[in-house]
Amino acid sequence: MGSEKWIAIISVALFAMFVGEMLSVYNFMINIPVNDEFLRSFEPDPKIIQFVSIGVAPAGILAGVAFLLSKQYGSKQIGGMIIVGGLIMFVGMFVCYSMLDKIDDKFITDLVRYMPILFMILSAPVIGVGIYLTKLKKKHPKKEYF
């Protein structure tokens, strides 16, 4: 297996890790115990920024690198993995957005409210790049007869 396939696999894993982290933070904000004041002073913005920097930013970069490495010959496998990564991010952010109604107003910030929308929008180019890569035809070298 070429290095571009491993890079695409790691990209999908990082997309899934980011979605898991975001779901855990949103679930935590829903289920914070009422009587624990230490947990009630939780600030979600630094955690979300941390999860973006260790999850989705490297995943996007790795998906781009896998695309660039396989762009010359096209690859249905790598394109499919990039599409799966984009779909994982879209579905996960949709679930996070649907959890906003259950979160206490004290924890709702602009970042908590708009981050799922932003990454749902950003999943479209990821899926588009994957589709482009699956539709790309292999270039055949021209034969020189003389």
N, C-alpha and C. Protein backbone atom coordinates (compact mmCIF):
# COMPACT_ATOMS: atom_id res chain seq x y z
N MET A 1 0.85 -1.17 0.00
CA MET A 1 0.00 0.00 0.00
C MET A 1 0.89 1.23 0.00
N GLY A 2 0.57 2.18 -0.85
CA GLY A 2 1.38 3.39 -0.96
C GLY A 2 1.18 4.31 0.23
N SER A 3 2.08 5.24 0.35
CA SER A 3 2.01 6.17 1.48
C SER A 3 0.76 7.04 1.43
N GLU A 4 0.26 7.33 0.21
CA GLU A 4 -0.94 8.16 0.12
C GLU A 4 -2.17 7.46 0.69
N LYS A 5 -2.21 6.13 0.61
CA LYS A 5 -3.34 5.41 1.20
C LYS A 5 -3.27 5.46 2.72
N TRP A 6 -2.10 5.32 3.28
CA TRP A 6 -1.96 5.41 4.73
C TRP A 6 -2.29 6.82 5.23
N ILE A 7 -1.89 7.82 4.46
CA ILE A 7 -2.20 9.19 4.85
C ILE A 7 -3.71 9.42 4.82
N ALA A 8 -4.39 8.86 3.82
CA ALA A 8 -5.85 8.99 3.75
C ALA A 8 -6.52 8.26 4.91
N ILE A 9 -6.00 7.10 5.30
CA ILE A 9 -6.56 6.36 6.44
C ILE A 9 -6.40 7.17 7.73
N ILE A 10 -5.24 7.76 7.92
CA ILE A 10 -5.01 8.58 9.11
C ILE A 10 -5.93 9.80 9.10
N SER A 11 -6.17 10.37 7.92
CA SER A 11 -7.07 11.51 7.80
C SER A 11 -8.49 11.14 8.24
N VAL A 12 -8.98 10.00 7.79
CA VAL A 12 -10.31 9.55 8.19
C VAL A 12 -10.37 9.33 9.70
N ALA A 13 -9.30 8.75 10.26
CA ALA A 13 -9.26 8.51 11.70
C ALA A 13 -9.29 9.83 12.47
N LEU A 14 -8.58 10.84 11.98
CA LEU A 14 -8.58 12.14 12.66
C LEU A 14 -9.92 12.85 12.53
N PHE A 15 -10.60 12.71 11.38
CA PHE A 15 -11.95 13.25 11.26
C PHE A 15 -12.88 12.60 12.29
N ALA A 16 -12.78 11.27 12.43
CA ALA A 16 -13.61 10.56 13.40
C ALA A 16 -13.26 10.96 14.83
N MET A 17 -11.97 11.14 15.11
CA MET A 17 -11.55 11.57 16.45
C MET A 17 -12.11 12.95 16.78
N PHE A 18 -12.07 13.87 15.81
CA PHE A 18 -12.60 15.21 16.03
C PHE A 18 -14.09 15.16 16.33
N VAL A 19 -14.83 14.37 15.57
CA VAL A 19 -16.27 14.25 15.80
C VAL A 19 -16.53 13.67 17.19
N GLY A 20 -15.77 12.67 17.58
CA GLY A 20 -15.93 12.09 18.92
C GLY A 20 -15.65 13.10 20.02
N GLU A 21 -14.62 13.90 19.83
CA GLU A 21 -14.29 14.92 20.83
C GLU A 21 -15.39 15.96 20.94
N MET A 22 -15.89 16.42 19.81
CA MET A 22 -16.95 17.43 19.83
C MET A 22 -18.23 16.87 20.44
N LEU A 23 -18.57 15.64 20.11
CA LEU A 23 -19.76 15.03 20.70
C LEU A 23 -19.60 14.87 22.21
N SER A 24 -18.40 14.53 22.65
CA SER A 24 -18.20 14.37 24.09
C SER A 24 -18.31 15.70 24.83
N VAL A 25 -17.81 16.79 24.24
CA VAL A 25 -17.94 18.10 24.88
C VAL A 25 -19.39 18.54 24.92
N TYR A 26 -20.11 18.38 23.82
CA TYR A 26 -21.51 18.79 23.81
C TYR A 26 -22.33 17.93 24.77
N ASN A 27 -22.04 16.64 24.83
CA ASN A 27 -22.74 15.76 25.77
C ASN A 27 -22.39 16.14 27.21
N PHE A 28 -21.15 16.51 27.46
CA PHE A 28 -20.74 16.94 28.80
C PHE A 28 -21.49 18.19 29.22
N MET A 29 -21.66 19.13 28.29
CA MET A 29 -22.38 20.36 28.63
C MET A 29 -23.85 20.11 28.90
N ILE A 30 -24.40 19.05 28.34
CA ILE A 30 -25.79 18.70 28.61
C ILE A 30 -25.93 18.04 29.98
N ASN A 31 -24.98 17.19 30.35
CA ASN A 31 -25.10 16.34 31.55
C ASN A 31 -24.23 16.78 32.72
N ILE A 32 -23.92 18.07 32.85
CA ILE A 32 -23.13 18.53 33.99
C ILE A 32 -23.99 18.43 35.25
N PRO A 33 -23.45 17.85 36.32
CA PRO A 33 -24.22 17.78 37.57
C PRO A 33 -24.54 19.18 38.09
N VAL A 34 -25.75 19.35 38.58
CA VAL A 34 -26.21 20.66 39.02
C VAL A 34 -25.49 21.12 40.27
N ASN A 35 -25.17 20.22 41.17
CA ASN A 35 -24.63 20.60 42.47
C ASN A 35 -23.12 20.83 42.48
N ASP A 36 -22.43 20.55 41.41
CA ASP A 36 -20.98 20.69 41.40
C ASP A 36 -20.59 22.04 40.79
N GLU A 37 -20.21 22.98 41.63
CA GLU A 37 -19.87 24.33 41.18
C GLU A 37 -18.59 24.37 40.35
N PHE A 38 -17.66 23.48 40.64
CA PHE A 38 -16.43 23.45 39.86
C PHE A 38 -16.73 23.12 38.39
N LEU A 39 -17.60 22.16 38.18
CA LEU A 39 -17.95 21.78 36.82
C LEU A 39 -18.87 22.80 36.17
N ARG A 40 -19.63 23.54 36.97
CA ARG A 40 -20.52 24.56 36.41
C ARG A 40 -19.73 25.75 35.87
N SER A 41 -18.48 25.90 36.28
CA SER A 41 -17.66 27.01 35.78
C SER A 41 -16.87 26.60 34.53
N PHE A 42 -17.26 25.52 33.90
CA PHE A 42 -16.60 25.00 32.70
C PHE A 42 -16.74 26.00 31.54
N GLU A 43 -15.64 26.24 30.81
CA GLU A 43 -15.65 27.11 29.64
C GLU A 43 -15.41 26.24 28.40
N PRO A 44 -16.36 26.18 27.47
CA PRO A 44 -16.21 25.28 26.32
C PRO A 44 -15.31 25.81 25.21
N ASP A 45 -15.15 27.12 25.09
CA ASP A 45 -14.40 27.68 23.96
C ASP A 45 -12.95 27.20 23.87
N PRO A 46 -12.18 27.20 24.96
CA PRO A 46 -10.80 26.71 24.83
C PRO A 46 -10.72 25.23 24.43
N LYS A 47 -11.65 24.43 24.93
CA LYS A 47 -11.66 23.00 24.58
C LYS A 47 -11.97 22.81 23.09
N ILE A 48 -12.93 23.56 22.59
CA ILE A 48 -13.30 23.42 21.18
C ILE A 48 -12.14 23.84 20.28
N ILE A 49 -11.48 24.93 20.64
CA ILE A 49 -10.32 25.37 19.85
C ILE A 49 -9.21 24.33 19.91
N GLN A 50 -9.01 23.73 21.07
CA GLN A 50 -8.01 22.67 21.20
C GLN A 50 -8.36 21.49 20.31
N PHE A 51 -9.63 21.09 20.29
CA PHE A 51 -10.04 19.95 19.49
C PHE A 51 -9.91 20.24 17.99
N VAL A 52 -10.15 21.48 17.59
CA VAL A 52 -9.96 21.85 16.19
C VAL A 52 -8.49 21.73 15.81
N SER A 53 -7.63 22.20 16.71
CA SER A 53 -6.20 22.21 16.37
C SER A 53 -5.57 20.82 16.40
N ILE A 54 -6.11 19.89 17.19
CA ILE A 54 -5.51 18.56 17.21
C ILE A 54 -6.30 17.53 16.41
N GLY A 55 -7.48 17.91 15.92
CA GLY A 55 -8.31 16.95 15.21
C GLY A 55 -8.54 17.28 13.75
N VAL A 56 -9.33 18.29 13.51
CA VAL A 56 -9.79 18.54 12.15
C VAL A 56 -8.75 19.28 11.31
N ALA A 57 -7.92 20.10 11.91
CA ALA A 57 -6.88 20.79 11.12
C ALA A 57 -5.88 19.80 10.53
N PRO A 58 -5.31 18.90 11.34
CA PRO A 58 -4.41 17.90 10.73
C PRO A 58 -5.14 16.95 9.77
N ALA A 59 -6.42 16.65 10.06
CA ALA A 59 -7.17 15.76 9.16
C ALA A 59 -7.34 16.41 7.80
N GLY A 60 -7.66 17.69 7.77
CA GLY A 60 -7.80 18.39 6.50
C GLY A 60 -6.49 18.48 5.74
N ILE A 61 -5.42 18.74 6.46
CA ILE A 61 -4.11 18.81 5.82
C ILE A 61 -3.72 17.45 5.24
N LEU A 62 -3.94 16.39 6.00
CA LEU A 62 -3.60 15.05 5.51
C LEU A 62 -4.47 14.63 4.34
N ALA A 63 -5.75 15.03 4.34
CA ALA A 63 -6.61 14.73 3.19
C ALA A 63 -6.10 15.45 1.95
N GLY A 64 -5.65 16.69 2.14
CA GLY A 64 -5.08 17.43 1.02
C GLY A 64 -3.80 16.82 0.50
N VAL A 65 -2.96 16.34 1.40
CA VAL A 65 -1.70 15.70 0.99
C VAL A 65 -1.99 14.40 0.24
N ALA A 66 -2.95 13.62 0.74
CA ALA A 66 -3.31 12.37 0.04
C ALA A 66 -3.87 12.69 -1.35
N PHE A 67 -4.65 13.76 -1.44
CA PHE A 67 -5.17 14.17 -2.75
C PHE A 67 -4.04 14.56 -3.70
N LEU A 68 -3.12 15.37 -3.21
CA LEU A 68 -2.02 15.82 -4.08
C LEU A 68 -1.12 14.67 -4.51
N LEU A 69 -0.90 13.70 -3.63
CA LEU A 69 -0.05 12.57 -3.99
C LEU A 69 -0.69 11.66 -5.02
N SER A 70 -2.02 11.58 -5.01
CA SER A 70 -2.69 10.65 -5.93
C SER A 70 -3.39 11.36 -7.08
N LYS A 71 -3.21 12.65 -7.20
CA LYS A 71 -3.88 13.41 -8.25
C LYS A 71 -3.40 13.03 -9.64
N GLN A 72 -2.15 12.62 -9.79
CA GLN A 72 -1.61 12.31 -11.10
C GLN A 72 -2.29 11.09 -11.73
N TYR A 73 -2.62 10.11 -10.91
CA TYR A 73 -3.16 8.88 -11.47
C TYR A 73 -4.60 8.59 -11.05
N GLY A 74 -5.15 9.35 -10.13
CA GLY A 74 -6.51 9.11 -9.68
C GLY A 74 -6.62 7.82 -8.88
N SER A 75 -7.46 7.81 -7.90
CA SER A 75 -7.60 6.62 -7.07
C SER A 75 -9.00 6.59 -6.47
N LYS A 76 -9.72 5.52 -6.78
CA LYS A 76 -11.06 5.38 -6.22
C LYS A 76 -11.00 5.11 -4.72
N GLN A 77 -10.00 4.36 -4.27
CA GLN A 77 -9.88 4.05 -2.84
C GLN A 77 -9.61 5.31 -2.02
N ILE A 78 -8.64 6.08 -2.44
CA ILE A 78 -8.27 7.28 -1.69
C ILE A 78 -9.40 8.30 -1.77
N GLY A 79 -9.99 8.45 -2.94
CA GLY A 79 -11.14 9.35 -3.07
C GLY A 79 -12.29 8.92 -2.18
N GLY A 80 -12.53 7.62 -2.11
CA GLY A 80 -13.58 7.11 -1.24
C GLY A 80 -13.30 7.38 0.23
N MET A 81 -12.03 7.24 0.62
CA MET A 81 -11.68 7.52 2.02
C MET A 81 -11.85 9.00 2.35
N ILE A 82 -11.50 9.86 1.40
CA ILE A 82 -11.68 11.29 1.63
C ILE A 82 -13.16 11.63 1.72
N ILE A 83 -13.98 11.00 0.89
CA ILE A 83 -15.44 11.21 0.95
C ILE A 83 -15.97 10.74 2.30
N VAL A 84 -15.52 9.58 2.76
CA VAL A 84 -15.98 9.06 4.06
C VAL A 84 -15.59 10.02 5.19
N GLY A 85 -14.38 10.57 5.13
CA GLY A 85 -13.97 11.55 6.14
C GLY A 85 -14.87 12.77 6.15
N GLY A 86 -15.21 13.27 4.97
CA GLY A 86 -16.12 14.42 4.89
C GLY A 86 -17.51 14.09 5.40
N LEU A 87 -18.00 12.89 5.08
CA LEU A 87 -19.32 12.48 5.57
C LEU A 87 -19.33 12.30 7.08
N ILE A 88 -18.26 11.74 7.63
CA ILE A 88 -18.17 11.60 9.08
C ILE A 88 -18.23 12.97 9.74
N MET A 89 -17.50 13.92 9.19
CA MET A 89 -17.51 15.27 9.77
C MET A 89 -18.89 15.91 9.64
N PHE A 90 -19.55 15.75 8.48
CA PHE A 90 -20.86 16.36 8.31
C PHE A 90 -21.88 15.78 9.28
N VAL A 91 -21.94 14.46 9.36
CA VAL A 91 -22.93 13.82 10.23
C VAL A 91 -22.66 14.15 11.70
N GLY A 92 -21.39 14.12 12.10
CA GLY A 92 -21.05 14.45 13.48
C GLY A 92 -21.40 15.87 13.85
N MET A 93 -21.13 16.80 12.96
CA MET A 93 -21.45 18.20 13.24
C MET A 93 -22.95 18.44 13.22
N PHE A 94 -23.69 17.67 12.39
CA PHE A 94 -25.15 17.77 12.41
C PHE A 94 -25.70 17.30 13.75
N VAL A 95 -25.14 16.22 14.28
CA VAL A 95 -25.58 15.73 15.59
C VAL A 95 -25.24 16.76 16.67
N CYS A 96 -24.05 17.36 16.61
CA CYS A 96 -23.68 18.40 17.57
C CYS A 96 -24.65 19.58 17.49
N TYR A 97 -25.00 19.97 16.29
CA TYR A 97 -25.93 21.09 16.12
C TYR A 97 -27.30 20.76 16.68
N SER A 98 -27.71 19.50 16.56
CA SER A 98 -29.02 19.11 17.09
C SER A 98 -29.01 19.05 18.62
N MET A 99 -27.85 19.01 19.24
CA MET A 99 -27.75 18.97 20.70
C MET A 99 -27.81 20.36 21.33
N LEU A 100 -27.76 21.41 20.52
CA LEU A 100 -27.70 22.77 21.06
C LEU A 100 -28.92 23.12 21.91
N ASP A 101 -30.10 22.59 21.58
CA ASP A 101 -31.31 22.92 22.34
C ASP A 101 -31.26 22.41 23.77
N LYS A 102 -30.52 21.35 24.02
CA LYS A 102 -30.47 20.74 25.35
C LYS A 102 -29.40 21.35 26.25
N ILE A 103 -28.49 22.14 25.67
CA ILE A 103 -27.40 22.72 26.45
C ILE A 103 -27.90 23.94 27.21
N ASP A 104 -27.45 24.09 28.45
CA ASP A 104 -27.81 25.24 29.27
C ASP A 104 -27.33 26.53 28.60
N ASP A 105 -28.13 27.59 28.69
CA ASP A 105 -27.79 28.86 28.04
C ASP A 105 -26.48 29.45 28.55
N LYS A 106 -26.09 29.06 29.72
CA LYS A 106 -24.84 29.55 30.30
C LYS A 106 -23.61 29.10 29.49
N PHE A 107 -23.71 27.95 28.84
CA PHE A 107 -22.59 27.41 28.08
C PHE A 107 -22.64 27.76 26.59
N ILE A 108 -23.74 28.34 26.14
CA ILE A 108 -23.87 28.68 24.73
C ILE A 108 -23.08 29.94 24.43
N THR A 109 -22.04 29.79 23.64
CA THR A 109 -21.26 30.93 23.16
C THR A 109 -21.35 30.93 21.64
N ASP A 110 -20.76 31.95 21.03
CA ASP A 110 -20.77 31.99 19.57
C ASP A 110 -20.03 30.80 18.98
N LEU A 111 -18.94 30.41 19.62
CA LEU A 111 -18.16 29.27 19.12
C LEU A 111 -18.96 27.97 19.23
N VAL A 112 -19.65 27.78 20.34
CA VAL A 112 -20.46 26.57 20.53
C VAL A 112 -21.61 26.54 19.52
N ARG A 113 -22.19 27.68 19.25
CA ARG A 113 -23.34 27.74 18.35
C ARG A 113 -22.95 27.60 16.88
N TYR A 114 -21.85 28.25 16.46
CA TYR A 114 -21.55 28.32 15.04
C TYR A 114 -20.49 27.33 14.55
N MET A 115 -19.76 26.71 15.44
CA MET A 115 -18.72 25.76 15.02
C MET A 115 -19.31 24.56 14.25
N PRO A 116 -20.41 23.95 14.69
CA PRO A 116 -20.95 22.85 13.89
C PRO A 116 -21.40 23.29 12.50
N ILE A 117 -21.97 24.48 12.39
CA ILE A 117 -22.41 24.98 11.09
C ILE A 117 -21.19 25.18 10.18
N LEU A 118 -20.14 25.78 10.73
CA LEU A 118 -18.93 26.02 9.95
C LEU A 118 -18.35 24.72 9.39
N PHE A 119 -18.26 23.70 10.23
CA PHE A 119 -17.66 22.45 9.77
C PHE A 119 -18.61 21.62 8.92
N MET A 120 -19.93 21.84 9.03
CA MET A 120 -20.83 21.21 8.06
C MET A 120 -20.61 21.82 6.68
N ILE A 121 -20.40 23.13 6.64
CA ILE A 121 -20.12 23.79 5.36
C ILE A 121 -18.76 23.35 4.81
N LEU A 122 -17.76 23.24 5.70
CA LEU A 122 -16.42 22.86 5.25
C LEU A 122 -16.30 21.39 4.86
N SER A 123 -17.28 20.58 5.24
CA SER A 123 -17.24 19.18 4.81
C SER A 123 -17.58 19.03 3.33
N ALA A 124 -18.30 20.01 2.76
CA ALA A 124 -18.65 19.93 1.34
C ALA A 124 -17.42 19.95 0.43
N PRO A 125 -16.43 20.85 0.63
CA PRO A 125 -15.25 20.77 -0.23
C PRO A 125 -14.45 19.48 -0.05
N VAL A 126 -14.44 18.94 1.15
CA VAL A 126 -13.72 17.68 1.38
C VAL A 126 -14.38 16.57 0.57
N ILE A 127 -15.70 16.51 0.61
CA ILE A 127 -16.43 15.50 -0.16
C ILE A 127 -16.23 15.75 -1.65
N GLY A 128 -16.23 17.01 -2.06
CA GLY A 128 -16.03 17.35 -3.47
C GLY A 128 -14.67 16.92 -3.99
N VAL A 129 -13.64 17.11 -3.18
CA VAL A 129 -12.29 16.68 -3.57
C VAL A 129 -12.25 15.16 -3.71
N GLY A 130 -12.91 14.47 -2.80
CA GLY A 130 -12.95 13.01 -2.90
C GLY A 130 -13.67 12.53 -4.14
N ILE A 131 -14.78 13.19 -4.47
CA ILE A 131 -15.52 12.83 -5.68
C ILE A 131 -14.67 13.10 -6.92
N TYR A 132 -13.99 14.24 -6.94
CA TYR A 132 -13.12 14.56 -8.06
C TYR A 132 -12.04 13.49 -8.24
N LEU A 133 -11.48 13.04 -7.14
CA LEU A 133 -10.41 12.05 -7.21
C LEU A 133 -10.92 10.70 -7.70
N THR A 134 -12.15 10.34 -7.35
CA THR A 134 -12.69 9.06 -7.82
C THR A 134 -13.05 9.12 -9.30
N LYS A 135 -13.38 10.28 -9.81
CA LYS A 135 -13.77 10.41 -11.22
C LYS A 135 -12.57 10.63 -12.14
N LEU A 136 -11.40 10.90 -11.57
CA LEU A 136 -10.21 11.19 -12.36
C LEU A 136 -9.75 9.93 -13.10
N LYS A 137 -9.49 10.07 -14.37
CA LYS A 137 -9.01 8.95 -15.17
C LYS A 137 -7.50 8.91 -15.14
N LYS A 138 -6.97 7.70 -15.21
CA LYS A 138 -5.52 7.54 -15.24
C LYS A 138 -4.98 8.08 -16.56
N LYS A 139 -3.87 8.79 -16.45
CA LYS A 139 -3.23 9.31 -17.65
C LYS A 139 -2.35 8.21 -18.25
N HIS A 140 -2.54 7.98 -19.52
CA HIS A 140 -1.72 6.99 -20.21
C HIS A 140 -0.60 7.72 -20.94
N PRO A 141 0.60 7.27 -20.79
CA PRO A 141 1.70 7.95 -21.48
C PRO A 141 1.59 7.75 -22.99
N LYS A 142 1.96 8.79 -23.72
CA LYS A 142 1.93 8.70 -25.18
C LYS A 142 3.08 7.82 -25.65
N LYS A 143 2.75 6.96 -26.55
CA LYS A 143 3.77 6.07 -27.09
C LYS A 143 4.46 6.75 -28.25
N GLU A 144 5.74 6.67 -28.23
CA GLU A 144 6.51 7.24 -29.32
C GLU A 144 6.87 6.11 -30.28
N TYR A 145 6.38 6.23 -31.49
CA TYR A 145 6.61 5.18 -32.48
C TYR A 145 7.88 5.39 -33.28
N PHE A 146 8.38 6.60 -33.31
CA PHE A 146 9.58 6.86 -34.09
C PHE A 146 10.69 7.34 -33.21
